[in-house]
Protein backbone atom coordinates (compact mmCIF):
# COMPACT_ATOMS: atom_id res chain seq x y z
CA UNK A 1 19.29 -26.18 -1.10
CA UNK A 2 16.20 -24.56 0.50
CA UNK A 3 14.26 -21.61 -1.63
CA UNK A 4 12.28 -19.21 -0.33
CA UNK A 5 9.92 -16.91 -1.46
CA UNK A 6 9.09 -13.41 0.66
CA UNK A 7 6.07 -11.68 -0.45
CA UNK A 8 6.54 -8.00 0.02
CA UNK A 9 9.85 -5.78 -0.42
CA UNK A 10 9.53 -3.72 2.56
CA UNK A 11 11.67 -3.76 5.69
CA UNK A 12 9.79 -6.53 6.90
CA UNK A 13 10.35 -8.77 3.69
CA UNK A 14 13.98 -7.19 3.29
CA UNK A 15 14.98 -8.14 6.89
CA UNK A 16 13.13 -12.00 6.96
CA UNK A 17 15.38 -12.32 3.80
CA UNK A 18 18.55 -11.03 5.64
CA UNK A 19 18.03 -13.32 8.44
CA UNK A 20 17.24 -16.27 6.48
CA UNK A 21 20.91 -15.55 4.56
CA UNK A 22 22.96 -14.82 7.14
CA UNK A 23 21.78 -17.82 9.72
CA UNK A 24 24.18 -20.74 9.86
CA UNK A 25 22.30 -23.78 10.06
CA UNK A 26 20.24 -24.06 6.53
CA UNK A 27 23.73 -23.82 4.70
CA UNK A 28 22.29 -23.28 1.49
CA UNK A 29 19.74 -20.90 0.84
CA UNK A 30 18.33 -18.90 -1.95
CA UNK A 31 15.67 -16.45 -1.54
CA UNK A 32 13.36 -14.46 -3.95
CA UNK A 33 11.77 -11.28 -2.80
CA UNK A 34 8.67 -10.57 -4.60
CA UNK A 35 6.32 -7.24 -4.90
CA UNK A 36 3.38 -6.35 -6.62
CA UNK A 37 5.34 -3.14 -7.68
CA UNK A 38 7.82 -2.88 -9.46
CA UNK A 39 10.02 -0.92 -7.38
CA UNK A 40 11.41 -2.16 -3.32
CA UNK A 41 11.92 -1.07 -0.37
CA UNK A 42 8.00 -0.63 0.14
CA UNK A 43 6.87 2.14 2.81
CA UNK A 44 10.38 3.45 2.81
CA UNK A 45 9.72 4.37 -0.77
CA UNK A 46 5.93 5.44 -0.94
CA UNK A 47 5.31 5.78 2.69
CA UNK A 48 7.74 8.37 4.11
CA UNK A 49 7.63 11.87 3.39
CA UNK A 50 9.86 13.40 0.97
CA UNK A 51 11.55 15.90 3.49
CA UNK A 52 12.43 13.35 5.40
CA UNK A 53 15.69 12.24 4.00
CA UNK A 54 17.47 10.75 7.01
CA UNK A 55 14.36 7.68 7.46
CA UNK A 56 14.70 7.80 3.45
CA UNK A 57 18.19 6.91 3.89
CA UNK A 58 17.39 3.54 5.39
CA UNK A 59 16.85 2.36 1.27
CA UNK A 60 20.77 2.11 1.57
CA UNK A 61 20.63 -0.37 3.91
CA UNK A 62 18.00 -2.32 2.43
CA UNK A 63 19.77 -2.03 -1.07
CA UNK A 64 22.54 -3.85 0.06
CA UNK A 65 21.03 -6.78 1.43
CA UNK A 66 18.73 -7.31 -1.90
CA UNK A 67 22.12 -6.85 -3.56
CA UNK A 68 23.23 -10.20 -1.55
CA UNK A 69 24.19 -12.88 -4.60
CA UNK A 70 21.90 -15.47 -2.55
CA UNK A 71 18.87 -12.90 -2.66
CA UNK A 72 16.96 -12.13 -5.87
CA UNK A 73 14.37 -9.10 -5.96
CA UNK A 74 11.59 -9.72 -8.51
CA UNK A 75 9.25 -7.11 -8.87
CA UNK A 76 5.89 -6.62 -10.92
CA UNK A 77 4.77 -10.13 -9.84
CA UNK A 78 0.86 -9.93 -7.67
CA UNK A 79 0.38 -12.68 -5.17
CA UNK A 80 -2.99 -12.99 -4.70
CA UNK A 81 -6.63 -12.95 -6.52
CA UNK A 82 -5.20 -11.80 -9.67
CA UNK A 83 -1.94 -12.95 -9.72
CA UNK A 84 -0.28 -16.15 -8.31
CA UNK A 85 -1.99 -17.65 -5.60
CA UNK A 86 -0.82 -19.33 -2.55
CA UNK A 87 -1.05 -22.46 -3.74
CA UNK A 88 1.04 -22.05 -6.69
CA UNK A 89 3.68 -19.88 -5.03
CA UNK A 90 3.91 -22.70 -2.49
CA UNK A 91 4.15 -25.82 -5.44
CA UNK A 92 7.38 -23.10 -6.89
CA UNK A 93 9.24 -22.87 -3.42
CA UNK A 94 10.12 -24.57 0.01
CA UNK A 95 8.42 -22.02 1.89
CA UNK A 96 6.79 -18.66 1.19
CA UNK A 97 7.08 -16.00 3.92
CA UNK A 98 4.08 -13.50 3.65
CA UNK A 99 5.15 -9.55 4.43
CA UNK A 100 2.34 -7.89 3.19
CA UNK A 101 1.63 -5.27 5.85
CA UNK A 102 -1.35 -3.57 6.59
CA UNK A 103 -2.40 -1.99 3.49
CA UNK A 104 -5.99 -0.60 4.13
CA UNK A 105 -6.58 2.82 6.25
CA UNK A 106 -9.11 2.30 8.73
CA UNK A 107 -13.05 4.03 8.04
CA UNK A 108 -14.07 6.52 10.78
CA UNK A 109 -17.89 5.11 10.23
CA UNK A 110 -19.53 8.63 9.82
CA UNK A 111 -21.49 10.18 7.63
CA UNK A 112 -20.06 12.90 4.65
CA UNK A 113 -16.88 10.27 5.23
CA UNK A 114 -17.48 9.93 1.35
CA UNK A 115 -18.07 13.52 0.57
CA UNK A 116 -16.14 15.09 -1.99
CA UNK A 117 -12.96 16.76 -0.29
CA UNK A 118 -12.32 14.19 2.46
CA UNK A 119 -9.47 11.79 1.80
CA UNK A 120 -7.74 9.18 3.85
CA UNK A 121 -4.25 10.02 4.49
CA UNK A 122 -2.85 7.37 3.03
CA UNK A 123 -4.50 8.35 -0.05
CA UNK A 124 -2.23 11.76 0.23
CA UNK A 125 0.76 10.37 1.03
CA UNK A 126 0.77 7.56 -2.58
CA UNK A 127 -0.58 10.74 -4.29
CA UNK A 128 3.10 12.88 -3.05
CA UNK A 129 5.17 9.37 -2.90
CA UNK A 130 4.15 8.99 -6.59
CA UNK A 131 2.92 5.43 -5.84
CA UNK A 132 1.97 4.75 -9.03
CA UNK A 133 -1.75 3.49 -8.40
CA UNK A 134 -2.61 7.08 -7.21
CA UNK A 135 -1.83 8.42 -10.66
CA UNK A 136 -3.98 11.01 -11.48
CA UNK A 137 -5.44 11.49 -8.00
CA UNK A 138 -5.40 15.23 -8.85
CA UNK A 139 -5.17 16.47 -5.26
CA UNK A 140 -5.81 20.76 -6.45
CA UNK A 141 -5.26 21.78 -3.15
CA UNK A 142 -8.05 24.47 -4.04
CA UNK A 143 -9.18 24.23 0.02
CA UNK A 144 -8.36 27.00 2.29
CA UNK A 145 -9.11 25.13 5.23
CA UNK A 146 -7.74 21.60 5.84
CA UNK A 147 -8.31 19.01 9.12
CA UNK A 148 -6.29 16.03 9.34
CA UNK A 149 -8.51 13.53 11.78
CA UNK A 150 -5.72 12.23 14.33
CA UNK A 151 -2.87 12.35 16.19
CA UNK A 152 0.21 10.80 15.29
CA UNK A 153 2.73 10.26 13.04
CA UNK A 154 1.04 9.84 9.50
CA UNK A 155 -0.74 12.90 10.58
CA UNK A 156 1.93 15.45 11.57
CA UNK A 157 3.60 14.31 8.15
CA UNK A 158 0.51 15.45 6.22
CA UNK A 159 0.06 18.43 8.24
CA UNK A 160 3.58 18.90 7.66
CA UNK A 161 3.90 18.65 3.97
CA UNK A 162 0.49 20.61 4.20
CA UNK A 163 1.87 23.58 5.51
CA UNK A 164 5.34 23.24 3.93
CA UNK A 165 6.18 25.83 0.82
CA UNK A 166 6.47 24.20 -2.56
CA UNK A 167 10.19 25.76 -2.62
CA UNK A 168 11.47 23.63 0.54
CA UNK A 169 9.95 20.44 -1.39
CA UNK A 170 11.46 21.25 -4.64
CA UNK A 171 14.89 19.30 -3.73
CA UNK A 172 13.62 16.24 -2.45
CA UNK A 173 12.24 13.06 -5.14
CA UNK A 174 8.55 14.55 -5.10
CA UNK A 175 6.64 14.16 -8.15
CA UNK A 176 6.88 17.26 -10.12
CA UNK A 177 3.16 17.14 -10.66
CA UNK A 178 2.55 16.82 -6.71
CA UNK A 179 5.13 19.82 -6.75
CA UNK A 180 3.26 21.82 -8.77
CA UNK A 181 -0.38 21.24 -7.48
CA UNK A 182 1.64 22.57 -3.64
CA UNK A 183 2.58 25.35 -5.73
CA UNK A 184 -0.31 26.39 -6.31
CA UNK A 185 -1.97 25.48 -2.54
CA UNK A 186 -4.54 27.76 -1.23
CA UNK A 187 -4.90 26.37 2.10
CA UNK A 188 -3.70 28.75 4.56
CA UNK A 189 -5.17 27.03 7.80
CA UNK A 190 -4.58 23.28 8.89
CA UNK A 191 -6.02 21.91 12.37
CA UNK A 192 -4.82 18.59 13.45
CA UNK A 193 -7.16 16.83 15.68
CA UNK A 194 -7.65 14.42 18.18
CA UNK A 195 -9.87 12.52 20.57
CA UNK A 196 -7.87 12.58 23.39
CA UNK A 197 -4.73 15.15 24.91
CA UNK A 198 -1.39 15.33 24.30
CA UNK A 199 -0.30 13.42 26.89
CA UNK A 200 -1.88 10.51 24.87
CA UNK A 201 -0.97 11.54 20.98
CA UNK A 202 0.54 8.71 19.86
CA UNK A 203 3.01 10.98 17.33
CA UNK A 204 6.87 10.80 18.52
CA UNK A 205 8.84 14.48 20.03
CA UNK A 206 10.37 14.88 16.94
CA UNK A 207 7.86 14.69 14.08
CA UNK A 208 5.69 16.73 16.82
CA UNK A 209 8.84 19.19 17.06
CA UNK A 210 9.38 19.69 13.63
CA UNK A 211 5.97 21.53 12.67
CA UNK A 212 7.66 24.01 14.66
CA UNK A 213 10.73 24.86 12.28
CA UNK A 214 8.68 25.34 9.51
CA UNK A 215 9.80 28.82 8.06
CA UNK A 216 6.39 29.87 6.71
CA UNK A 217 3.87 28.35 9.21
CA UNK A 218 3.07 29.10 12.95
CA UNK A 219 1.77 26.29 15.58
CA UNK A 220 -1.34 27.35 17.57
CA UNK A 221 -2.74 25.93 20.61
CA UNK A 222 -5.89 26.40 22.35
CA UNK A 223 -5.88 26.32 25.75
CA UNK A 224 -8.80 24.87 26.67
CA UNK A 225 -8.02 22.00 25.65
CA UNK A 226 -4.89 21.73 27.11
CA UNK A 227 -6.66 22.50 30.81
CA UNK A 228 -8.54 19.00 30.51
CA UNK A 229 -5.52 16.68 29.68
CA UNK A 230 -4.38 15.55 33.84
CA UNK A 231 -1.00 14.96 32.26
CA UNK A 232 -0.61 18.04 31.24
CA UNK A 233 -1.11 19.78 34.33
CA UNK A 234 1.71 17.21 36.21
CA UNK A 235 3.11 15.27 33.61
CA UNK A 236 5.38 13.90 36.04
CA UNK A 237 4.24 10.53 35.91
CA UNK A 238 4.05 10.28 32.07
CA UNK A 239 6.21 7.88 30.09
CA UNK A 240 9.22 10.11 29.22
CA UNK A 241 7.70 10.69 25.36
CA UNK A 242 4.07 12.04 26.87
CA UNK A 243 6.50 14.17 28.80
CA UNK A 244 8.92 15.68 26.14
CA UNK A 245 5.71 15.92 23.83
CA UNK A 246 3.47 17.75 26.53
CA UNK A 247 6.69 20.53 26.92
CA UNK A 248 6.75 21.19 23.09
CA UNK A 249 2.59 21.81 23.16
CA UNK A 250 3.38 23.96 26.47
CA UNK A 251 5.83 26.26 24.56
CA UNK A 252 3.84 26.15 21.71
CA UNK A 253 0.96 27.56 24.25
CA UNK A 254 3.29 30.31 25.75
CA UNK A 255 4.68 31.43 22.77
CA UNK A 256 1.41 31.83 21.24
CA UNK A 257 0.91 32.12 17.40
CA UNK A 258 2.69 34.06 14.91
CA UNK A 259 0.04 36.02 12.85
CA UNK A 260 2.68 37.24 10.57
CA UNK A 261 3.52 33.55 8.60
CA UNK A 262 1.55 32.75 5.41
CA UNK A 263 0.19 29.44 7.16
CA UNK A 264 -1.33 28.23 10.62
CA UNK A 265 -1.20 24.75 11.95
CA UNK A 266 -3.65 24.15 14.80
CA UNK A 267 -3.56 21.62 17.12
CA UNK A 268 -6.63 20.49 18.85
CA UNK A 269 -7.49 17.98 21.53
CA UNK A 270 -10.33 16.70 22.95
CA UNK A 271 -12.70 16.25 19.68
CA UNK A 272 -14.23 13.57 18.29
CA UNK A 273 -15.58 13.88 14.85
CA UNK A 274 -19.12 12.69 14.38
CA UNK A 275 -20.17 14.06 11.34
CA UNK A 276 -18.71 15.35 7.80
CA UNK A 277 -20.86 18.57 6.71
CA UNK A 278 -21.62 18.98 2.79
CA UNK A 279 -22.10 22.69 1.02
CA UNK A 280 -23.12 22.24 -2.84
CA UNK A 281 -22.21 18.49 -2.89
CA UNK A 282 -18.28 18.72 -1.14
CA UNK A 283 -17.21 18.91 1.85
CA UNK A 284 -17.55 22.17 4.14
CA UNK A 285 -17.08 21.48 7.63
CA UNK A 286 -16.52 18.40 10.66
CA UNK A 287 -18.68 18.31 13.29
CA UNK A 288 -16.76 17.32 16.63
CA UNK A 289 -18.05 16.28 20.09
CA UNK A 290 -16.23 17.29 23.05
CA UNK A 291 -14.91 14.97 25.19
CA UNK A 292 -13.40 14.60 28.67
CA UNK A 293 -11.30 11.89 30.18
CA UNK A 294 -12.59 9.07 32.02
CA UNK A 295 -11.30 7.27 35.10
CA UNK A 296 -10.14 4.26 32.40
CA UNK A 297 -7.75 6.43 30.36
CA UNK A 298 -9.81 6.97 27.86
CA UNK A 299 -12.65 9.51 27.07
CA UNK A 300 -16.37 9.96 26.93
CA UNK A 301 -18.60 12.16 25.04
CA UNK A 302 -20.09 15.46 26.60
CA UNK A 303 -22.84 16.04 24.70
CA UNK A 304 -21.00 19.82 23.10
CA UNK A 305 -20.19 20.29 19.62
CA UNK A 306 -17.73 22.40 17.92
CA UNK A 307 -17.65 22.56 13.90
CA UNK A 308 -14.51 22.97 12.36
CA UNK A 309 -14.09 24.95 8.67
CA UNK A 310 -12.72 22.24 6.41
CA UNK A 311 -12.51 22.40 2.73
CA UNK A 312 -10.22 19.00 2.63
CA UNK A 313 -10.63 16.15 5.37
CA UNK A 314 -7.72 13.86 6.02
CA UNK A 315 -7.98 11.29 7.94
CA UNK A 316 -5.61 9.55 9.31
CA UNK A 317 -6.56 6.95 11.96
CA UNK A 318 -4.73 4.36 11.75
CA UNK A 319 -4.39 0.67 9.25
CA UNK A 320 -5.71 -2.40 8.95
CA UNK A 321 -4.22 -5.70 7.35
CA UNK A 322 -6.78 -6.67 4.15
CA UNK A 323 -7.44 -10.44 3.39
CA UNK A 324 -4.43 -12.03 0.64
CA UNK A 325 -7.16 -14.84 -1.38
CA UNK A 326 -5.70 -18.22 -0.69
CA UNK A 327 -4.66 -17.12 2.98
CA UNK A 328 -6.56 -17.32 5.80
CA UNK A 329 -7.25 -13.85 7.59
CA UNK A 330 -8.41 -13.05 11.27
CA UNK A 331 -11.09 -10.23 10.67
CA UNK A 332 -11.46 -9.17 14.13
CA UNK A 333 -7.42 -8.71 14.39
CA UNK A 334 -7.01 -7.71 10.40
CA UNK A 335 -4.08 -10.26 10.81
CA UNK A 336 -3.55 -13.58 9.34
CA UNK A 337 -3.77 -16.26 12.04
CA UNK A 338 -0.37 -17.77 13.26
CA UNK A 339 2.24 -19.41 15.53
CA UNK A 340 5.45 -18.15 16.04
CA UNK A 341 5.14 -17.06 12.34
CA UNK A 342 3.72 -20.16 11.15
CA UNK A 343 0.39 -19.59 9.67
CA UNK A 344 -2.01 -21.74 11.14
CA UNK A 345 -4.81 -23.02 8.79
CA UNK A 346 -8.08 -24.42 11.02
CA UNK A 347 -5.74 -24.22 14.37
CA UNK A 348 -3.12 -26.19 12.44
CA UNK A 349 1.02 -24.65 11.49
CA UNK A 350 0.26 -25.70 7.35
CA UNK A 351 3.45 -26.45 6.25
CA UNK A 352 5.85 -23.91 4.84
CA UNK A 353 3.37 -20.88 5.15
CA UNK A 354 4.64 -18.22 7.37
CA UNK A 355 4.09 -14.42 7.88
CA UNK A 356 6.34 -11.51 9.32
CA UNK A 357 5.47 -7.80 9.64
CA UNK A 358 2.25 -6.10 9.97
CA UNK A 359 0.10 -9.18 8.51
CA UNK A 360 1.41 -11.16 11.32
CA UNK A 361 1.14 -8.65 14.16
CA UNK A 362 -0.89 -5.89 13.26
CA UNK A 363 0.26 -2.04 12.32
CA UNK A 364 2.11 -1.70 15.43
CA UNK A 365 5.81 -0.25 16.17
CA UNK A 366 8.41 0.91 14.47
CA UNK A 367 10.49 0.29 11.11
CA UNK A 368 12.75 -1.70 13.74
CA UNK A 369 10.24 -3.51 15.72
CA UNK A 370 10.51 -5.37 11.99
CA UNK A 371 13.28 -7.10 12.62
CA UNK A 372 12.94 -9.33 15.89
CA UNK A 373 9.29 -10.10 14.39
CA UNK A 374 11.68 -11.38 10.82
CA UNK A 375 14.27 -13.58 13.26
CA UNK A 376 10.74 -15.16 15.04
CA UNK A 377 9.33 -16.02 11.76
CA UNK A 378 12.90 -17.01 10.23
CA UNK A 379 13.88 -19.62 13.70
CA UNK A 380 9.89 -21.03 12.88
CA UNK A 381 11.26 -21.84 9.32
CA UNK A 382 14.77 -22.75 10.11
CA UNK A 383 13.34 -24.89 12.32
CA UNK A 384 11.20 -26.76 9.51
CA UNK A 385 13.80 -26.31 7.13
CA UNK A 386 14.59 -30.62 7.20
CA UNK A 387 11.22 -31.31 6.08
CA UNK A 388 10.93 -28.64 4.28
CA UNK A 389 13.42 -29.22 1.74
CA UNK A 390 13.01 -32.70 1.18
CA UNK A 391 10.35 -31.25 -1.45
CA UNK A 392 11.69 -31.13 -5.04
CA UNK A 393 10.26 -28.39 -6.90
CA UNK A 394 11.03 -26.61 -10.84
CA UNK A 395 14.57 -26.02 -11.46
CA UNK A 396 14.10 -22.39 -12.05
CA UNK A 397 10.78 -20.95 -10.34
CA UNK A 398 11.24 -17.73 -12.10
CA UNK A 399 11.13 -19.34 -15.97
CA UNK A 400 7.88 -20.95 -14.46
CA UNK A 401 6.47 -17.35 -14.28
CA UNK A 402 7.45 -16.03 -17.24
CA UNK A 403 5.94 -19.00 -18.70
CA UNK A 404 3.07 -18.43 -17.08
CA UNK A 405 2.82 -14.87 -18.80
CA UNK A 406 4.45 -12.69 -16.02
CA UNK A 407 6.94 -10.39 -16.78
CA UNK A 408 9.03 -10.21 -13.82
CA UNK A 409 11.02 -6.93 -12.83
CA UNK A 410 14.20 -8.02 -11.31
CA UNK A 411 17.10 -6.01 -10.17
CA UNK A 412 18.71 -4.54 -13.32
CA UNK A 413 15.06 -3.54 -13.99
CA UNK A 414 14.76 -1.63 -10.90
CA UNK A 415 18.45 -0.25 -11.50
CA UNK A 416 16.90 0.95 -14.91
CA UNK A 417 13.87 2.87 -13.38
CA UNK A 418 16.93 4.50 -11.08
CA UNK A 419 18.57 6.24 -14.13
CA UNK A 420 15.57 7.22 -15.73
CA UNK A 421 14.52 8.91 -12.29
CA UNK A 422 17.78 10.38 -12.50
CA UNK A 423 17.70 11.91 -16.09
CA UNK A 424 13.91 12.67 -14.99
CA UNK A 425 14.67 15.52 -12.65
CA UNK A 426 17.93 16.55 -14.53
CA UNK A 427 15.72 17.50 -17.37
CA UNK A 428 13.52 18.98 -15.05
CA UNK A 429 16.61 21.38 -12.99
CA UNK A 430 16.31 19.09 -10.16
CA UNK A 431 17.50 16.14 -8.16
CA UNK A 432 15.73 12.28 -8.93
CA UNK A 433 12.73 13.04 -9.20
CA UNK A 434 10.29 9.50 -9.08
CA UNK A 435 8.10 8.28 -12.09
CA UNK A 436 4.29 7.80 -10.54
CA UNK A 437 2.95 5.94 -12.76
CA UNK A 438 2.67 2.59 -13.84
CA UNK A 439 3.62 2.46 -18.13
CA UNK A 440 6.95 4.98 -17.01
CA UNK A 441 7.99 2.55 -14.29
CA UNK A 442 7.67 -0.70 -16.39
CA UNK A 443 8.69 1.26 -19.63
CA UNK A 444 11.84 1.99 -17.67
CA UNK A 445 12.56 -1.53 -16.69
CA UNK A 446 12.36 -3.17 -20.12
CA UNK A 447 8.98 -4.90 -19.48
CA UNK A 448 5.26 -4.31 -20.57
CA UNK A 449 2.00 -5.25 -18.55
CA UNK A 450 1.34 -8.57 -17.69
CA UNK A 451 -1.64 -10.77 -18.27
CA UNK A 452 -3.93 -11.41 -14.81
CA UNK A 453 -3.22 -15.44 -14.53
CA UNK A 454 -5.91 -17.45 -14.44
CA UNK A 455 -6.33 -19.19 -10.40
CA UNK A 456 -4.68 -22.17 -9.96
């Protein structure tokens, strides 16, 4: 039997587990999918906006994989500095595949970035997605004007949530505290700002169009911004996504803003943030430098500046992998060095250690990109399997974990959390509502907080 641990239960981890048990080269494979959280599905649960029901339904596909009798879900198990070390984990399994994603936001590196009222977009997403690490974040949304820095799908998501009425979110699984805060929001203007033009923006057309469907918000575009984009004037040479995005923005520019709407979304382009400005100790505005296209497909500063009022700033400029203690790490790329998924230590493959997903290739692609990425790594695992499986292991790794003081949440514990969230929703007159704190999740699962493990 080949026993494999997959660290991370998001799409890359689940697709890795699926590829391992569906192959026919190694007939007897058992996979444990470990996660620091007591809940599976990773960013599908904690990163997809609550009003994106179609994307969130991917959980049903991931669930079907985790219900395979050859796969076990093992939540509430941390790997790294405060839990199992990679060396200790490798003693329990023939192979370990790390699918830990890219958990850190990229910083802007600007003066005022850490002022009160300035947050990473991930902090905001984690709050309205009920991530237990975000419990008590307390977004009061007392701002009148918000600036979202970035023009990717995450920027569109947080812009849409800020501009969407709470009544529209009530049928979703958004946590009740967040729903109450959104209901009391005073935000009336949301500025989504990018340093390049609409033809180079990273959002998908589907996400962009959704901004124009919000019943209580209008979308405005500055004609002067659009005039700077050569692809806007002549989109014929743009990739298909770029052409579609330009068409959407052009439609908004020609229609103009509807001043009767309760909220205004303003798309701004060719503005690069240079400083967050303070008033009374909090962020009050963002200072931008006007940019212009260069001859290499990028932009350059023009020396002209503009300030946009903002009592709330959300930074959505990308993700970055973080080191996992005990694994090698390429700080420049934010990934674990590898060869076809095999972890490289001092330039050589490390027997039994692998990576897949964002920690392998960086934060690129869409959810489906994780499938071929996982298959490449699994091919490496299977090629190494004869040598790996020859090493003797403990009879049952989970018994060793429990003896070490850990309290794993297995699949029945996760189902109990789901039942508790259904009950919470019924008590509030809503559908299933996420439990947003560690104590509530672990209590529903029937376990308590586990002590930290000594390094070994």
